[in-house]
C-alpha cells in the first residue's frame, strides 16, 4: 500500500508563495515536512497557469479546452465509425462478385 502524502490546494499555494517571496525550497521542505522537489514542481505548475491550478496535479480545463477535448473525442468516434463502414463496404462488395 502506498503511503503518498496528499496536500490540499491552500497548503501548496502557501508554500509556492513563500518560495516566490524568496525562501528556498529546501528550507521550506524542512520546516513543513515536504520534499523540496515537490515544492518546485508545484511552483512550476502554479506559474504556468494560476487560474487552473487545482493543487491536485491535474489542472482544470478552461471552457474552450473542454470543448476542444469533447470535439476531439467526437472526431475520434466518427473516424472509427467511418473505418468500420469502409471495411463493411469492402467485405460486401467482395461477396457480390
N, C-alpha and C. Protein backbone atom coordinates (compact mmCIF):
# COMPACT_ATOMS: atom_id res chain seq x y z
N UNK A 1 0.84 -1.18 0.00
CA UNK A 1 0.00 0.00 0.00
C UNK A 1 0.89 1.24 0.00
N UNK A 2 0.50 2.23 -0.80
CA UNK A 2 1.28 3.46 -0.94
C UNK A 2 1.00 4.40 0.22
N UNK A 3 2.04 5.05 0.68
CA UNK A 3 1.89 6.00 1.78
C UNK A 3 2.17 7.41 1.27
N UNK A 4 1.67 7.72 0.07
CA UNK A 4 1.87 9.02 -0.52
C UNK A 4 1.07 10.06 0.25
N UNK A 5 1.74 11.15 0.63
CA UNK A 5 1.06 12.22 1.33
C UNK A 5 0.29 13.07 0.34
N UNK A 6 -0.88 13.52 0.73
CA UNK A 6 -1.71 14.40 -0.08
C UNK A 6 -1.79 15.75 0.64
N UNK A 7 -1.60 16.81 -0.12
CA UNK A 7 -1.68 18.15 0.44
C UNK A 7 -2.79 18.91 -0.26
N UNK A 8 -3.50 19.75 0.49
CA UNK A 8 -4.59 20.49 -0.13
C UNK A 8 -4.06 21.70 -0.90
N UNK A 9 -4.92 22.26 -1.72
CA UNK A 9 -4.56 23.35 -2.61
C UNK A 9 -4.02 24.56 -1.85
N UNK A 10 -4.68 24.94 -0.76
CA UNK A 10 -4.26 26.12 0.01
C UNK A 10 -2.86 25.96 0.57
N UNK A 11 -2.54 24.77 1.05
CA UNK A 11 -1.22 24.50 1.60
C UNK A 11 -0.16 24.64 0.50
N UNK A 12 -0.44 24.08 -0.67
CA UNK A 12 0.51 24.14 -1.78
C UNK A 12 0.72 25.59 -2.22
N UNK A 13 -0.36 26.34 -2.34
CA UNK A 13 -0.24 27.74 -2.75
C UNK A 13 0.55 28.53 -1.73
N UNK A 14 0.33 28.25 -0.45
CA UNK A 14 1.07 28.96 0.59
C UNK A 14 2.56 28.71 0.44
N UNK A 15 2.95 27.44 0.23
CA UNK A 15 4.38 27.14 0.08
C UNK A 15 4.94 27.76 -1.19
N UNK A 16 4.18 27.74 -2.27
CA UNK A 16 4.64 28.35 -3.52
C UNK A 16 4.85 29.84 -3.32
N UNK A 17 3.91 30.50 -2.67
CA UNK A 17 4.04 31.94 -2.45
C UNK A 17 5.21 32.27 -1.52
N UNK A 18 5.45 31.42 -0.53
CA UNK A 18 6.63 31.61 0.32
C UNK A 18 7.90 31.47 -0.50
N UNK A 19 7.91 30.52 -1.41
CA UNK A 19 9.08 30.33 -2.26
C UNK A 19 9.26 31.53 -3.19
N UNK A 20 8.15 32.04 -3.72
CA UNK A 20 8.23 33.20 -4.60
C UNK A 20 8.68 34.45 -3.85
N UNK A 21 8.45 34.48 -2.55
CA UNK A 21 8.88 35.64 -1.75
C UNK A 21 10.37 35.58 -1.41
N UNK A 22 11.03 34.50 -1.81
CA UNK A 22 12.48 34.45 -1.62
C UNK A 22 12.99 33.31 -0.77
N UNK A 23 12.11 32.56 -0.15
CA UNK A 23 12.58 31.44 0.66
C UNK A 23 12.97 30.27 -0.24
N UNK A 24 13.93 29.50 0.21
CA UNK A 24 14.41 28.35 -0.56
C UNK A 24 13.51 27.14 -0.35
N UNK A 25 13.39 26.32 -1.39
CA UNK A 25 12.56 25.12 -1.31
C UNK A 25 13.09 24.17 -0.24
N UNK A 26 14.40 24.10 -0.09
CA UNK A 26 14.99 23.20 0.91
C UNK A 26 14.59 23.62 2.33
N UNK A 27 14.63 24.94 2.60
CA UNK A 27 14.25 25.43 3.93
C UNK A 27 12.76 25.20 4.20
N UNK A 28 11.95 25.46 3.20
CA UNK A 28 10.51 25.23 3.36
C UNK A 28 10.22 23.74 3.55
N UNK A 29 10.94 22.91 2.82
CA UNK A 29 10.74 21.47 2.94
C UNK A 29 11.03 20.97 4.33
N UNK A 30 12.13 21.45 4.91
CA UNK A 30 12.48 21.04 6.28
C UNK A 30 11.45 21.53 7.28
N UNK A 31 11.02 22.78 7.10
CA UNK A 31 10.09 23.38 8.05
C UNK A 31 8.70 22.73 8.00
N UNK A 32 8.23 22.38 6.79
CA UNK A 32 6.87 21.87 6.65
C UNK A 32 6.80 20.37 6.36
N UNK A 33 7.96 19.70 6.26
CA UNK A 33 7.96 18.26 6.05
C UNK A 33 7.56 17.84 4.65
N UNK A 34 7.94 18.65 3.67
CA UNK A 34 7.62 18.37 2.27
C UNK A 34 8.92 18.30 1.49
N UNK A 35 9.00 17.37 0.55
CA UNK A 35 10.22 17.26 -0.24
C UNK A 35 10.38 18.51 -1.11
N UNK A 36 11.58 19.10 -1.16
CA UNK A 36 11.80 20.32 -1.94
C UNK A 36 11.43 20.18 -3.42
N UNK A 37 11.64 18.99 -3.98
CA UNK A 37 11.30 18.78 -5.38
C UNK A 37 9.79 18.93 -5.59
N UNK A 38 9.00 18.52 -4.62
CA UNK A 38 7.55 18.68 -4.72
C UNK A 38 7.18 20.16 -4.75
N UNK A 39 7.81 20.93 -3.91
CA UNK A 39 7.51 22.37 -3.85
C UNK A 39 7.88 23.03 -5.17
N UNK A 40 9.04 22.67 -5.72
CA UNK A 40 9.46 23.24 -7.01
C UNK A 40 8.49 22.84 -8.12
N UNK A 41 8.00 21.61 -8.07
CA UNK A 41 7.03 21.15 -9.07
C UNK A 41 5.72 21.93 -8.94
N UNK A 42 5.26 22.14 -7.73
CA UNK A 42 4.04 22.92 -7.51
C UNK A 42 4.23 24.34 -8.05
N UNK A 43 5.42 24.90 -7.83
CA UNK A 43 5.71 26.26 -8.30
C UNK A 43 5.61 26.33 -9.82
N UNK A 44 6.22 25.35 -10.51
CA UNK A 44 6.17 25.34 -11.98
C UNK A 44 4.72 25.26 -12.46
N UNK A 45 3.95 24.38 -11.86
CA UNK A 45 2.55 24.21 -12.25
C UNK A 45 1.77 25.48 -11.97
N UNK A 46 1.99 26.06 -10.81
CA UNK A 46 1.28 27.27 -10.40
C UNK A 46 1.60 28.43 -11.34
N UNK A 47 2.87 28.60 -11.69
CA UNK A 47 3.26 29.71 -12.55
C UNK A 47 2.81 29.52 -13.99
N UNK A 48 2.68 28.28 -14.44
CA UNK A 48 2.28 28.04 -15.81
C UNK A 48 0.81 28.37 -16.04
N UNK A 49 -0.02 28.22 -15.01
CA UNK A 49 -1.44 28.52 -15.18
C UNK A 49 -2.10 28.70 -13.82
N UNK A 50 -2.01 29.89 -13.29
CA UNK A 50 -2.55 30.16 -11.95
C UNK A 50 -4.05 29.95 -11.85
N UNK A 51 -4.78 30.32 -12.92
CA UNK A 51 -6.25 30.24 -12.86
C UNK A 51 -6.73 28.81 -12.72
N UNK A 52 -6.01 27.87 -13.34
CA UNK A 52 -6.49 26.49 -13.31
C UNK A 52 -5.68 25.61 -12.36
N UNK A 53 -4.90 26.22 -11.46
CA UNK A 53 -4.12 25.43 -10.50
C UNK A 53 -5.07 24.80 -9.50
N UNK A 54 -5.20 23.48 -9.57
CA UNK A 54 -6.12 22.78 -8.68
C UNK A 54 -5.40 22.30 -7.42
N UNK A 55 -4.09 22.18 -7.52
CA UNK A 55 -3.35 21.68 -6.37
C UNK A 55 -3.33 20.17 -6.29
N UNK A 56 -4.02 19.51 -7.22
CA UNK A 56 -4.06 18.05 -7.15
C UNK A 56 -3.21 17.40 -8.24
N UNK A 57 -2.50 18.20 -9.00
CA UNK A 57 -1.65 17.64 -10.04
C UNK A 57 -2.32 17.57 -11.39
N UNK A 58 -3.63 17.75 -11.44
CA UNK A 58 -4.33 17.75 -12.71
C UNK A 58 -5.02 19.10 -12.87
N UNK A 59 -4.49 19.94 -13.74
CA UNK A 59 -5.08 21.26 -13.89
C UNK A 59 -6.48 21.19 -14.46
N UNK A 60 -7.35 22.06 -13.97
CA UNK A 60 -8.70 22.10 -14.51
C UNK A 60 -8.66 22.77 -15.87
N UNK A 61 -9.59 22.41 -16.73
CA UNK A 61 -9.59 22.92 -18.08
C UNK A 61 -10.48 24.15 -18.20
N UNK A 62 -10.08 25.05 -19.08
CA UNK A 62 -10.93 26.20 -19.38
C UNK A 62 -12.10 25.71 -20.23
N UNK A 63 -13.16 26.49 -20.34
CA UNK A 63 -14.30 26.05 -21.17
C UNK A 63 -13.88 25.74 -22.61
N UNK A 64 -12.97 26.54 -23.15
CA UNK A 64 -12.51 26.29 -24.52
C UNK A 64 -11.76 24.97 -24.62
N UNK A 65 -10.92 24.69 -23.62
CA UNK A 65 -10.18 23.43 -23.61
C UNK A 65 -11.12 22.24 -23.47
N UNK A 66 -12.17 22.39 -22.66
CA UNK A 66 -13.16 21.32 -22.50
C UNK A 66 -13.87 21.06 -23.82
N UNK A 67 -14.23 22.14 -24.53
CA UNK A 67 -14.91 21.99 -25.81
C UNK A 67 -14.00 21.30 -26.83
N UNK A 68 -12.74 21.71 -26.87
CA UNK A 68 -11.78 21.08 -27.79
C UNK A 68 -11.64 19.60 -27.48
N UNK A 69 -11.56 19.27 -26.20
CA UNK A 69 -11.43 17.86 -25.80
C UNK A 69 -12.65 17.06 -26.25
N UNK A 70 -13.84 17.62 -26.05
CA UNK A 70 -15.08 16.93 -26.45
C UNK A 70 -15.13 16.77 -27.97
N UNK A 71 -14.73 17.81 -28.69
CA UNK A 71 -14.76 17.73 -30.16
C UNK A 71 -13.75 16.71 -30.69
N UNK A 72 -12.59 16.64 -30.04
CA UNK A 72 -11.60 15.63 -30.45
C UNK A 72 -12.13 14.22 -30.22
N UNK A 73 -12.84 14.04 -29.12
CA UNK A 73 -13.43 12.72 -28.83
C UNK A 73 -14.48 12.37 -29.88
N UNK A 74 -15.33 13.34 -30.23
CA UNK A 74 -16.34 13.10 -31.26
C UNK A 74 -15.68 12.76 -32.60
N UNK A 75 -14.60 13.48 -32.93
CA UNK A 75 -13.90 13.22 -34.18
C UNK A 75 -13.32 11.81 -34.20
N UNK A 76 -12.71 11.40 -33.09
CA UNK A 76 -12.16 10.04 -32.98
C UNK A 76 -13.25 8.99 -33.21
N UNK A 77 -14.40 9.20 -32.57
CA UNK A 77 -15.51 8.26 -32.72
C UNK A 77 -16.00 8.22 -34.16
N UNK A 78 -16.10 9.39 -34.80
CA UNK A 78 -16.56 9.43 -36.19
C UNK A 78 -15.56 8.73 -37.11
N UNK A 79 -14.26 8.89 -36.84
CA UNK A 79 -13.24 8.23 -37.66
C UNK A 79 -13.31 6.71 -37.49
N UNK A 80 -13.56 6.25 -36.28
CA UNK A 80 -13.69 4.81 -36.03
C UNK A 80 -14.90 4.27 -36.78
N UNK A 81 -16.03 4.98 -36.69
CA UNK A 81 -17.24 4.55 -37.40
C UNK A 81 -17.00 4.52 -38.91
N UNK A 82 -16.31 5.53 -39.44
CA UNK A 82 -16.01 5.58 -40.86
C UNK A 82 -15.17 4.38 -41.28
N UNK A 83 -14.14 4.07 -40.48
CA UNK A 83 -13.28 2.93 -40.80
C UNK A 83 -14.05 1.62 -40.79
N UNK A 84 -14.95 1.47 -39.83
CA UNK A 84 -15.77 0.26 -39.77
C UNK A 84 -16.66 0.16 -41.00
N UNK A 85 -17.27 1.27 -41.38
CA UNK A 85 -18.13 1.26 -42.56
C UNK A 85 -17.33 0.98 -43.83
N UNK A 86 -16.12 1.51 -43.95
CA UNK A 86 -15.27 1.22 -45.11
C UNK A 86 -14.99 -0.27 -45.21
N UNK A 87 -14.66 -0.87 -44.06
CA UNK A 87 -14.38 -2.31 -44.06
C UNK A 87 -15.63 -3.10 -44.44
N UNK A 88 -16.77 -2.70 -43.91
CA UNK A 88 -18.03 -3.39 -44.23
C UNK A 88 -18.33 -3.29 -45.72
N UNK A 89 -18.15 -2.11 -46.30
CA UNK A 89 -18.40 -1.92 -47.73
C UNK A 89 -17.47 -2.81 -48.55
N UNK A 90 -16.21 -2.87 -48.17
CA UNK A 90 -15.26 -3.71 -48.94
C UNK A 90 -15.61 -5.20 -48.80
N UNK A 91 -16.07 -5.61 -47.64
CA UNK A 91 -16.45 -7.02 -47.45
C UNK A 91 -17.68 -7.35 -48.28
N UNK A 92 -18.70 -6.49 -48.25
CA UNK A 92 -19.92 -6.75 -49.00
C UNK A 92 -19.71 -6.63 -50.50
N UNK A 93 -18.82 -5.74 -50.92
CA UNK A 93 -18.58 -5.61 -52.36
C UNK A 93 -17.81 -6.81 -52.90
N UNK A 94 -16.99 -7.45 -52.09
CA UNK A 94 -16.27 -8.66 -52.49
C UNK A 94 -17.25 -9.83 -52.64
N UNK A 95 -18.25 -9.91 -51.78
CA UNK A 95 -19.18 -11.04 -51.82
C UNK A 95 -20.14 -10.93 -52.99
N UNK A 96 -20.29 -9.73 -53.59
CA UNK A 96 -21.16 -9.55 -54.75
C UNK A 96 -20.55 -10.17 -56.01
N UNK A 97 -19.24 -10.32 -56.07
CA UNK A 97 -18.57 -10.84 -57.27
C UNK A 97 -18.64 -12.31 -57.38
